[in-house]
Amino acid sequence: MVKAFGLLSGGLDSILAAKILIDQGIEVVGVSFKTPFFDSIKGEKAAEMLGIKLKVVDITEPHIKMLKNPRYGYGSNLNPCIDCHALMLRSAGKLMEKEGGDFLFTGEVLGQRPMSQTRSGLNAVEKISGYKGKILRPLSALKLKETWMEKEKLVDRTKLYGFTGRSRKPQIELAKKLGILEYPGSAGGCLLTDPRFSERLKDLISHRKDFKPRDLELLKIGRHLRISDNFKLVVGRNKIENEKIMLLIQNDDRWFKVENYPGPIGLVPYGKEMTDLYLAASICVRYSDANSNKEVSVITETIDKEERIKVVACSPKITEDLII
């Protein structure tokens, strides 16, 4: 039996691509990926709906390395779509080779995305993935060069499609025809396309070249304020965020809490040895329930030391200037 490995994000396009091949009697294995920027939850749901096997691969380490210097640059925010898709196909290709698959497929549609799904973008993805000529795009195959899988009759080209452009109407109609009634509006969910998250990530990259997955998790929560070139402050906005911050504390961090008043946990990543504590402490007071004109006690801790300092809340202008 012919066996194909496909990128399964869980969006409608990837579901349709898999279903088209399943209906040709091809054994389909879905591959979903995890990084700090996106997860595999939708892919897992899609695989269950389609009744196919799913491989979930954590590509955090190579993804971070690629993100720092993508060969084809970024999209409108900090999304390196061409390099990211190529990395996914390279990872899926290794699985395919290990498990005896015949070819790879994706749900990409020619012209749907301005960066990665132009004709040149699709070619670039194939080239740097290392699997040029072994990638099928069932939804746009009739608008693309015939692949060897089609020439060798592993896939029936007459049962593939020629969708192009950004309209979703053809895919929605095809979903009805194939009996696919439930699917998400789009796969989405990549934080690298979010403007606020991208600004925080740009700040992290410019100030800490050796950032770790923990630092990326921190970008998802709280307020972030750049208090110096060497240090930033992450301030929880509610109880849930305070708890998440506490779970992410490491041995070389410093954290703050306003004493006797409800308020945020303030974390300075890698700030254990910082000497100027007052600005961070005053910002925490600003975001607490303490009287803004009254001097209050703030507890600052490291893994091996606790001390108290007296500060007044900083002015709103200071937080406005420092917020990332």
Protein backbone atom coordinates (compact mmCIF):
# COMPACT_ATOMS: atom_id res chain seq x y z
CA MET A 1 0.00 0.00 0.00
CA VAL A 2 1.15 3.52 -0.80
CA LYS A 3 1.97 5.45 2.39
CA ALA A 4 2.03 9.25 2.70
CA PHE A 5 3.11 11.47 5.59
CA GLY A 6 1.43 14.86 5.77
CA LEU A 7 1.61 18.05 7.79
CA LEU A 8 -1.62 18.08 9.80
CA SER A 9 -2.18 21.45 11.45
CA GLY A 10 -5.84 20.70 12.03
CA GLY A 11 -7.08 23.49 9.78
CA LEU A 12 -9.52 22.78 6.97
CA ASP A 13 -6.87 22.71 4.23
CA SER A 14 -4.74 20.05 5.90
CA ILE A 15 -7.84 17.99 6.73
CA LEU A 16 -8.97 18.12 3.10
CA ALA A 17 -5.52 17.21 1.77
CA ALA A 18 -5.46 14.12 4.01
CA LYS A 19 -9.03 13.14 3.13
CA ILE A 20 -8.37 13.38 -0.64
CA LEU A 21 -5.55 10.86 -0.30
CA ILE A 22 -7.43 8.60 2.11
CA ASP A 23 -10.23 8.37 -0.43
CA GLN A 24 -7.69 7.14 -2.99
CA GLY A 25 -6.84 4.21 -0.73
CA ILE A 26 -3.53 5.68 0.41
CA GLU A 27 -2.38 5.07 3.98
CA VAL A 28 -2.07 8.52 5.53
CA VAL A 29 -0.03 9.39 8.60
CA GLY A 30 -0.46 12.89 10.02
CA VAL A 31 2.43 14.83 11.54
CA SER A 32 1.80 17.74 13.93
CA PHE A 33 4.37 19.90 15.66
CA LYS A 34 4.89 21.63 18.99
CA THR A 35 6.96 24.69 19.90
CA PRO A 36 6.44 27.50 22.43
CA PHE A 37 4.63 29.35 19.60
CA PHE A 38 2.01 26.76 18.63
CA ASP A 39 0.74 23.36 19.75
CA SER A 40 -0.62 20.15 18.23
CA ILE A 41 -4.09 20.16 19.77
CA LYS A 42 -5.99 20.88 16.54
CA GLY A 43 -3.91 18.33 14.69
CA GLU A 44 -4.72 15.70 17.30
CA LYS A 45 -8.44 16.39 16.95
CA ALA A 46 -8.22 16.26 13.16
CA ALA A 47 -6.39 12.93 13.19
CA GLU A 48 -9.03 11.46 15.48
CA MET A 49 -11.81 12.71 13.19
CA LEU A 50 -10.09 11.29 10.09
CA GLY A 51 -9.24 8.01 11.83
CA ILE A 52 -5.55 8.16 10.99
CA LYS A 53 -2.30 7.77 12.90
CA LEU A 54 -0.65 10.93 14.15
CA LYS A 55 2.96 11.65 15.03
CA VAL A 56 3.52 14.66 17.30
CA VAL A 57 7.02 16.13 17.08
CA ASP A 58 8.52 18.76 19.38
CA ILE A 59 10.77 20.94 17.19
CA THR A 60 11.46 23.64 19.80
CA GLU A 61 15.27 23.45 19.65
CA PRO A 62 15.72 23.62 15.84
CA HIS A 63 12.86 26.10 15.57
CA ILE A 64 14.50 28.56 17.98
CA LYS A 65 17.80 28.22 16.10
CA MET A 66 16.04 28.90 12.80
CA LEU A 67 14.04 31.80 14.25
CA LYS A 68 17.17 33.77 15.14
CA ASN A 69 18.32 33.90 11.53
CA PRO A 70 15.76 32.65 8.99
CA ARG A 71 17.13 32.27 5.49
CA TYR A 72 14.01 33.77 3.90
CA GLY A 73 13.31 36.39 6.57
CA TYR A 74 10.09 37.22 8.39
CA GLY A 75 6.52 37.97 7.42
CA SER A 76 4.54 40.98 8.64
CA ASN A 77 5.53 40.21 12.22
CA LEU A 78 8.18 37.75 13.42
CA ASN A 79 6.85 34.77 11.48
CA PRO A 80 9.50 33.04 9.31
CA CYS A 81 6.88 31.08 7.36
CA ILE A 82 9.02 29.69 4.53
CA ASP A 83 11.79 28.49 6.85
CA CYS A 84 9.24 27.16 9.35
CA HIS A 85 7.36 25.11 6.73
CA ALA A 86 10.64 23.76 5.41
CA LEU A 87 11.69 22.73 8.92
CA MET A 88 8.39 20.91 9.42
CA LEU A 89 8.72 19.09 6.09
CA ARG A 90 12.32 18.16 6.89
CA SER A 91 11.20 16.69 10.21
CA ALA A 92 8.24 14.88 8.62
CA GLY A 93 10.55 13.60 5.89
CA LYS A 94 12.85 11.99 8.41
CA LEU A 95 9.84 10.20 9.90
CA MET A 96 8.75 9.13 6.44
CA GLU A 97 12.14 7.63 5.68
CA LYS A 98 12.34 5.90 9.05
CA GLU A 99 8.90 4.33 8.74
CA GLY A 100 8.90 3.49 5.05
CA GLY A 101 6.65 6.16 3.59
CA ASP A 102 6.52 7.03 -0.10
CA PHE A 103 6.00 10.80 -0.17
CA LEU A 104 5.02 13.92 1.80
CA PHE A 105 1.96 16.11 1.41
CA THR A 106 0.64 19.41 2.76
CA GLY A 107 -2.60 21.38 2.67
CA GLU A 108 -0.93 24.42 1.09
CA VAL A 109 -2.96 26.33 -1.48
CA LEU A 110 -1.20 28.30 -4.22
CA GLY A 111 -1.66 32.03 -3.65
CA GLN A 112 -3.41 31.74 -0.30
CA ARG A 113 -0.60 33.27 1.77
CA PRO A 114 1.51 36.16 0.46
CA MET A 115 4.86 34.85 1.69
CA SER A 116 5.01 31.07 1.87
CA GLN A 117 2.35 30.00 -0.64
CA THR A 118 3.35 31.88 -3.75
CA ARG A 119 4.83 29.72 -6.50
CA SER A 120 8.34 30.88 -5.56
CA GLY A 121 7.56 30.35 -1.87
CA LEU A 122 6.43 26.77 -2.43
CA ASN A 123 9.57 26.10 -4.47
CA ALA A 124 11.76 27.59 -1.75
CA VAL A 125 10.09 25.43 0.90
CA GLU A 126 10.78 22.32 -1.18
CA LYS A 127 14.38 23.28 -1.85
CA ILE A 128 15.48 23.93 1.72
CA SER A 129 13.42 21.07 3.17
CA GLY A 130 15.64 18.57 1.41
CA TYR A 131 12.65 16.79 -0.15
CA LYS A 132 12.32 18.53 -3.48
CA GLY A 133 10.07 16.50 -5.78
CA LYS A 134 8.65 14.41 -2.96
CA ILE A 135 6.00 16.87 -1.73
CA LEU A 136 2.41 16.75 -3.00
CA ARG A 137 -0.10 19.58 -2.55
CA PRO A 138 -3.45 17.87 -3.30
CA LEU A 139 -5.51 21.07 -3.19
CA SER A 140 -3.43 22.91 -5.82
CA ALA A 141 -1.77 20.01 -7.67
CA LEU A 142 -3.48 20.77 -10.99
CA LYS A 143 -1.93 24.25 -10.98
CA LEU A 144 1.54 22.92 -10.18
CA LYS A 145 4.08 20.80 -12.01
CA GLU A 146 3.18 17.10 -12.05
CA THR A 147 5.09 15.19 -9.38
CA TRP A 148 6.73 11.79 -9.76
CA MET A 149 4.08 10.34 -7.42
CA GLU A 150 1.45 11.28 -10.00
CA LYS A 151 3.53 10.16 -12.98
CA GLU A 152 4.14 6.77 -11.36
CA LYS A 153 0.41 6.46 -10.53
CA LEU A 154 0.94 6.33 -6.76
CA VAL A 155 -1.61 9.13 -6.77
CA ASP A 156 -4.45 9.64 -9.25
CA ARG A 157 -3.92 13.18 -10.55
CA THR A 158 -7.46 13.31 -11.95
CA LYS A 159 -8.76 13.20 -8.37
CA LEU A 160 -6.66 16.14 -7.19
CA TYR A 161 -7.64 19.83 -7.32
CA GLY A 162 -6.48 23.16 -8.72
CA PHE A 163 -7.46 25.65 -6.02
CA THR A 164 -5.72 29.04 -5.98
CA GLY A 165 -6.10 32.34 -4.17
CA ARG A 166 -7.31 33.43 -0.76
CA SER A 167 -11.00 32.57 -1.05
CA ARG A 168 -12.12 29.75 1.22
CA LYS A 169 -15.30 28.98 -0.75
CA PRO A 170 -13.82 26.13 -2.85
CA GLN A 171 -12.50 24.36 0.27
CA ILE A 172 -15.81 24.80 2.10
CA GLU A 173 -17.70 23.32 -0.86
CA LEU A 174 -15.26 20.43 -1.07
CA ALA A 175 -15.63 19.77 2.65
CA LYS A 176 -19.39 19.40 2.18
CA LYS A 177 -18.83 17.05 -0.77
CA LEU A 178 -16.44 14.87 1.24
CA GLY A 179 -18.70 14.79 4.29
CA ILE A 180 -16.46 16.91 6.51
CA LEU A 181 -18.89 18.91 8.60
CA GLU A 182 -16.79 20.05 11.56
CA TYR A 183 -13.53 21.94 11.27
CA PRO A 184 -11.94 25.11 12.69
CA GLY A 185 -12.18 28.38 10.78
CA SER A 186 -8.45 28.25 10.13
CA ALA A 187 -5.50 26.48 11.69
CA GLY A 188 -4.06 29.75 13.05
CA GLY A 189 -2.71 29.92 16.57
CA CYS A 190 0.92 30.79 15.80
CA LEU A 191 2.03 33.45 18.26
CA LEU A 192 4.68 34.68 15.83
CA THR A 193 1.91 36.30 13.78
CA ASP A 194 0.69 38.28 16.81
CA PRO A 195 2.02 41.88 16.80
CA ARG A 196 2.26 42.25 20.61
CA PHE A 197 3.99 38.91 21.09
CA SER A 198 6.37 39.71 18.21
CA GLU A 199 7.38 43.00 19.84
CA ARG A 200 8.18 41.18 23.06
CA LEU A 201 10.16 38.56 21.17
CA LYS A 202 12.12 41.22 19.26
CA ASP A 203 13.04 42.80 22.58
CA LEU A 204 14.14 39.42 23.95
CA ILE A 205 16.27 38.61 20.90
CA SER A 206 17.95 42.03 20.97
CA HIS A 207 18.85 41.81 24.66
CA ARG A 208 19.49 38.09 25.24
CA LYS A 209 20.98 36.03 22.44
CA ASP A 210 20.99 32.78 24.42
CA PHE A 211 17.31 32.79 25.40
CA LYS A 212 15.71 29.53 26.46
CA PRO A 213 12.20 28.02 26.12
CA ARG A 214 11.36 29.36 29.61
CA ASP A 215 11.94 32.90 28.37
CA LEU A 216 9.51 32.30 25.52
CA GLU A 217 6.86 30.99 27.92
CA LEU A 218 7.21 34.21 29.94
CA LEU A 219 6.43 36.26 26.83
CA LYS A 220 2.89 34.84 26.87
CA ILE A 221 1.93 36.26 30.28
CA GLY A 222 1.94 39.49 32.27
CA ARG A 223 3.12 42.99 31.48
CA HIS A 224 6.71 43.30 30.25
CA LEU A 225 8.76 46.39 31.06
CA ARG A 226 12.36 47.00 29.95
CA ILE A 227 13.97 48.55 33.05
CA SER A 228 17.57 48.50 31.70
CA ASP A 229 19.63 47.00 28.89
CA ASN A 230 20.38 44.00 31.09
CA PHE A 231 17.07 43.50 32.87
CA LYS A 232 13.35 43.50 32.23
CA LEU A 233 10.46 43.10 34.65
CA VAL A 234 7.52 40.76 34.09
CA VAL A 235 4.49 41.75 36.17
CA GLY A 236 1.49 39.47 36.69
CA ARG A 237 -1.93 40.95 35.91
CA ASN A 238 -4.00 38.61 38.06
CA LYS A 239 -3.81 35.62 40.39
CA ILE A 240 -3.55 33.10 37.56
CA GLU A 241 -0.65 34.95 35.95
CA ASN A 242 1.08 35.32 39.31
CA GLU A 243 0.89 31.56 39.75
CA LYS A 244 2.27 30.94 36.26
CA ILE A 245 5.16 33.32 36.91
CA MET A 246 6.04 31.54 40.15
CA LEU A 247 6.16 28.21 38.30
CA LEU A 248 8.66 29.63 35.80
CA ILE A 249 11.14 31.04 38.34
CA GLN A 250 14.74 29.80 37.99
CA ASN A 251 17.72 29.89 40.34
CA ASP A 252 19.27 32.99 38.76
CA ASP A 253 16.10 35.11 38.92
CA ARG A 254 14.87 37.78 41.31
CA TRP A 255 11.23 38.38 42.16
CA PHE A 256 9.19 41.03 43.99
CA LYS A 257 5.94 41.17 45.97
CA VAL A 258 4.28 44.12 47.68
CA GLU A 259 3.91 43.32 51.38
CA ASN A 260 0.47 43.55 53.05
CA TYR A 261 -1.37 44.54 49.85
CA PRO A 262 -2.91 42.49 47.03
CA GLY A 263 -0.85 42.91 43.91
CA PRO A 264 1.36 41.33 41.29
CA ILE A 265 4.35 39.09 41.39
CA GLY A 266 7.16 40.91 39.62
CA LEU A 267 9.90 38.76 38.09
CA VAL A 268 13.26 39.90 36.77
CA PRO A 269 14.63 36.97 34.75
CA TYR A 270 18.37 36.48 35.40
CA GLY A 271 18.18 39.36 37.88
CA LYS A 272 19.62 37.64 40.95
CA GLU A 273 22.69 39.88 41.01
CA MET A 274 20.99 43.16 40.09
CA THR A 275 21.82 45.98 42.50
CA ASP A 276 19.25 48.68 41.67
CA LEU A 277 16.04 47.20 43.08
CA TYR A 278 13.99 50.34 43.54
CA LEU A 279 12.58 50.87 40.04
CA ALA A 280 11.30 47.31 39.79
CA ALA A 281 9.84 47.50 43.28
CA SER A 282 8.11 50.84 42.60
CA ILE A 283 6.54 49.45 39.43
CA CYS A 284 5.13 46.53 41.40
CA VAL A 285 3.63 49.00 43.87
CA ARG A 286 2.08 50.96 40.99
CA TYR A 287 0.23 47.84 39.87
CA SER A 288 -0.82 46.82 43.40
CA ASP A 289 -3.72 47.95 45.60
CA ALA A 290 -1.40 50.05 47.78
CA ASN A 291 -1.92 53.80 48.05
CA SER A 292 0.16 55.33 45.25
CA ASN A 293 1.34 58.18 47.48
CA LYS A 294 2.30 56.08 50.45
CA GLU A 295 5.65 54.41 51.06
CA VAL A 296 5.16 50.66 51.40
CA SER A 297 7.30 47.60 51.96
CA VAL A 298 8.23 45.37 49.02
CA ILE A 299 9.73 41.91 49.52
CA THR A 300 12.41 41.01 46.99
CA GLU A 301 13.73 37.47 46.86
CA THR A 302 16.29 35.27 45.18
CA ILE A 303 16.72 31.55 45.59
CA ASP A 304 18.89 32.07 48.68
CA LYS A 305 18.03 35.54 50.06
CA GLU A 306 15.05 37.66 51.07
CA GLU A 307 15.07 41.39 51.85
CA ARG A 308 12.64 44.28 52.24
CA ILE A 309 12.83 47.74 50.77
CA LYS A 310 10.59 50.79 51.20
CA VAL A 311 9.34 52.50 48.04
CA VAL A 312 6.55 54.69 46.68
CA ALA A 313 4.70 53.78 43.51
CA CYS A 314 6.33 55.11 40.36
CA SER A 315 4.40 57.52 38.14
CA PRO A 316 2.14 56.17 35.37
CA LYS A 317 4.41 57.94 32.85
CA ILE A 318 7.31 55.69 33.82
CA THR A 319 5.38 52.49 33.18
CA GLU A 320 4.08 53.91 29.90
CA ASP A 321 7.64 54.60 28.76
CA LEU A 322 9.01 51.20 29.82
CA ILE A 323 6.23 48.89 28.67
CA ILE A 324 7.12 46.56 25.80
